[in-house]
């Protein structure tokens, strides 16, 4: 089960949705700081490394295990994150959660958001759009991550869920 979904840009938490016990502000900030720290370290290390084409390597996703409990009654949690432009999409899951499903969710959900806001990628959406339309993102989230449950998806299911979410948004 996903315990927390977060969309953040640097230290600003743009959107946060809890699917289990209430997390504290401190828990969210610890996740943001850890993800930002990992991103900064990896970007510094990869800044000087180029692949054969001369392109700079980019860090787009990661995972880390949180040993101390971010949530009551959940001693082991994992954080998966994926960057999209200047935004970071993160999910905090129970340690036993299917990490491949969580990673797949982080791959397609930013695309769903970009399509909803009629952009080529979620990284192109202005932060004020996210803040002004957080209810719409929550509706999308409610359909694609119902009660924090990751879904096995196909292109047909994704299309169906998008249509259902759009009906609710209108």
Protein backbone atom coordinates (compact mmCIF):
# COMPACT_ATOMS: atom_id res chain seq x y z
CA UNK A 1 0.00 0.00 0.00
CA UNK A 2 1.12 3.52 -0.76
CA UNK A 3 1.12 5.55 2.42
CA UNK A 4 1.96 8.94 0.90
CA UNK A 5 2.09 10.53 -2.53
CA UNK A 6 3.99 13.78 -2.88
CA UNK A 7 4.72 16.19 -5.67
CA UNK A 8 7.43 18.65 -4.80
CA UNK A 9 9.72 21.17 -6.42
CA UNK A 10 12.93 21.75 -4.48
CA UNK A 11 11.77 22.29 -0.86
CA UNK A 12 8.21 23.27 -1.78
CA UNK A 13 5.65 20.49 -1.34
CA UNK A 14 3.18 21.25 -4.13
CA UNK A 15 0.79 18.40 -3.36
CA UNK A 16 0.66 15.75 -0.68
CA UNK A 17 -1.91 12.98 -0.29
CA UNK A 18 -1.90 10.51 2.61
CA UNK A 19 -3.45 7.06 2.21
CA UNK A 20 -2.94 5.62 5.64
CA UNK A 21 -2.18 6.97 9.06
CA UNK A 22 -1.69 10.71 9.04
CA UNK A 23 1.90 11.67 8.49
CA UNK A 24 3.37 14.66 10.18
CA UNK A 25 4.73 17.74 8.50
CA UNK A 26 8.13 16.61 9.77
CA UNK A 27 7.80 13.26 7.97
CA UNK A 28 7.04 14.98 4.66
CA UNK A 29 9.95 17.35 5.10
CA UNK A 30 12.31 14.45 5.87
CA UNK A 31 11.25 12.73 2.65
CA UNK A 32 11.72 15.94 0.64
CA UNK A 33 15.14 16.61 2.19
CA UNK A 34 16.33 13.04 1.62
CA UNK A 35 15.17 12.94 -2.01
CA UNK A 36 16.70 16.38 -2.68
CA UNK A 37 19.94 15.27 -1.04
CA UNK A 38 20.12 12.10 -3.14
CA UNK A 39 19.33 14.08 -6.29
CA UNK A 40 21.95 16.73 -5.52
CA UNK A 41 24.64 14.13 -4.79
CA UNK A 42 23.90 12.12 -7.91
CA UNK A 43 23.74 15.22 -10.09
CA UNK A 44 27.09 16.41 -8.75
CA UNK A 45 28.66 13.00 -9.41
CA UNK A 46 27.18 12.72 -12.90
CA UNK A 47 27.85 16.33 -13.92
CA UNK A 48 31.34 15.44 -15.08
CA UNK A 49 30.42 12.07 -16.57
CA UNK A 50 29.32 12.00 -20.19
CA UNK A 51 28.06 9.08 -22.20
CA UNK A 52 29.54 8.25 -25.62
CA UNK A 53 27.38 10.87 -27.33
CA UNK A 54 28.67 13.62 -25.04
CA UNK A 55 25.29 14.05 -23.36
CA UNK A 56 25.28 14.65 -19.63
CA UNK A 57 23.81 11.74 -17.69
CA UNK A 58 20.58 12.61 -15.93
CA UNK A 59 19.16 11.14 -12.77
CA UNK A 60 15.47 10.49 -13.23
CA UNK A 61 14.41 8.05 -10.55
CA UNK A 62 15.50 6.39 -7.36
CA UNK A 63 14.55 4.37 -4.34
CA UNK A 64 15.66 4.31 -0.75
CA UNK A 65 14.66 2.44 2.37
CA UNK A 66 13.66 4.40 5.45
CA UNK A 67 14.59 2.46 8.56
CA UNK A 68 13.06 4.82 11.11
CA UNK A 69 9.30 4.93 11.00
CA UNK A 70 7.87 7.87 9.09
CA UNK A 71 4.43 6.59 9.96
CA UNK A 72 3.15 5.04 13.15
CA UNK A 73 2.82 1.24 12.92
CA UNK A 74 5.06 1.10 9.83
CA UNK A 75 8.64 0.54 10.88
CA UNK A 76 9.94 -0.16 7.38
CA UNK A 77 8.99 2.04 4.47
CA UNK A 78 10.45 2.67 1.05
CA UNK A 79 10.46 5.87 -0.93
CA UNK A 80 10.40 5.76 -4.71
CA UNK A 81 10.76 8.98 -6.67
CA UNK A 82 10.93 10.13 -10.26
CA UNK A 83 11.85 13.54 -11.63
CA UNK A 84 9.93 15.32 -14.35
CA UNK A 85 11.50 18.66 -15.16
CA UNK A 86 12.01 20.49 -11.87
CA UNK A 87 9.32 18.41 -10.14
CA UNK A 88 9.80 15.25 -8.14
CA UNK A 89 6.98 12.73 -7.85
CA UNK A 90 7.42 10.54 -4.76
CA UNK A 91 5.55 7.67 -3.18
CA UNK A 92 6.18 6.30 0.29
CA UNK A 93 5.17 2.64 0.43
CA UNK A 94 5.13 -0.17 2.89
CA UNK A 95 8.33 -2.17 2.71
CA UNK A 96 6.48 -5.17 1.26
CA UNK A 97 4.85 -3.21 -1.58
CA UNK A 98 5.48 -4.25 -5.18
CA UNK A 99 8.24 -1.83 -6.20
CA UNK A 100 7.78 -2.52 -9.90
CA UNK A 101 4.13 -1.40 -9.69
CA UNK A 102 5.15 1.70 -7.75
CA UNK A 103 7.80 2.52 -10.34
CA UNK A 104 5.31 1.97 -13.16
CA UNK A 105 2.83 4.32 -11.42
CA UNK A 106 5.56 6.99 -11.20
CA UNK A 107 6.20 6.50 -14.92
CA UNK A 108 2.66 6.98 -16.18
CA UNK A 109 1.08 9.33 -13.61
CA UNK A 110 3.19 12.38 -14.61
CA UNK A 111 2.13 11.73 -18.21
CA UNK A 112 -1.52 11.67 -17.14
CA UNK A 113 -1.05 15.02 -15.39
CA UNK A 114 0.74 16.51 -18.41
CA UNK A 115 -2.06 15.37 -20.70
CA UNK A 116 -4.67 16.80 -18.33
CA UNK A 117 -2.96 20.19 -18.35
CA UNK A 118 -2.36 19.92 -22.12
CA UNK A 119 1.44 19.99 -21.82
CA UNK A 120 4.07 17.75 -23.38
CA UNK A 121 5.40 16.78 -19.94
CA UNK A 122 4.49 17.39 -16.32
CA UNK A 123 7.73 19.37 -16.01
CA UNK A 124 6.22 21.99 -18.34
CA UNK A 125 3.25 22.66 -16.05
CA UNK A 126 3.64 25.86 -14.05
CA UNK A 127 3.64 25.40 -10.27
CA UNK A 128 0.73 27.84 -9.96
CA UNK A 129 -1.35 25.52 -12.17
CA UNK A 130 -0.65 22.67 -9.76
CA UNK A 131 -1.54 24.81 -6.77
CA UNK A 132 -4.69 26.25 -8.32
CA UNK A 133 -5.94 22.88 -9.56
CA UNK A 134 -4.84 20.57 -6.77
CA UNK A 135 -8.42 19.28 -6.52
CA UNK A 136 -8.17 18.03 -10.10
CA UNK A 137 -4.87 16.28 -9.39
CA UNK A 138 -6.43 14.71 -6.31
CA UNK A 139 -9.30 13.44 -8.48
CA UNK A 140 -6.81 11.90 -10.91
CA UNK A 141 -4.94 10.42 -7.96
CA UNK A 142 -8.14 8.98 -6.50
CA UNK A 143 -8.76 7.11 -9.76
CA UNK A 144 -5.20 5.94 -10.45
CA UNK A 145 -4.24 5.20 -6.84
CA UNK A 146 -7.53 4.29 -5.15
CA UNK A 147 -7.11 4.30 -1.36
CA UNK A 148 -3.36 4.01 -1.88
CA UNK A 149 -3.60 0.70 -3.78
CA UNK A 150 -1.29 0.31 -6.74
CA UNK A 151 -3.04 -1.11 -9.80
CA UNK A 152 -1.85 -3.51 -12.46
CA UNK A 153 -2.54 -1.40 -15.52
CA UNK A 154 -2.82 -1.77 -19.25
CA UNK A 155 -3.25 0.94 -21.84
CA UNK A 156 -6.98 0.18 -21.95
CA UNK A 157 -7.34 0.50 -18.18
CA UNK A 158 -5.35 3.75 -18.15
CA UNK A 159 -7.61 5.17 -20.87
CA UNK A 160 -10.71 4.07 -18.97
CA UNK A 161 -9.47 5.62 -15.71
CA UNK A 162 -8.59 8.88 -17.50
CA UNK A 163 -12.10 9.07 -18.94
CA UNK A 164 -13.70 8.37 -15.56
CA UNK A 165 -11.50 10.97 -13.84
CA UNK A 166 -12.30 13.57 -16.51
CA UNK A 167 -16.03 12.96 -15.95
CA UNK A 168 -15.55 13.62 -12.23
CA UNK A 169 -13.51 16.76 -12.89
CA UNK A 170 -16.16 18.31 -15.15
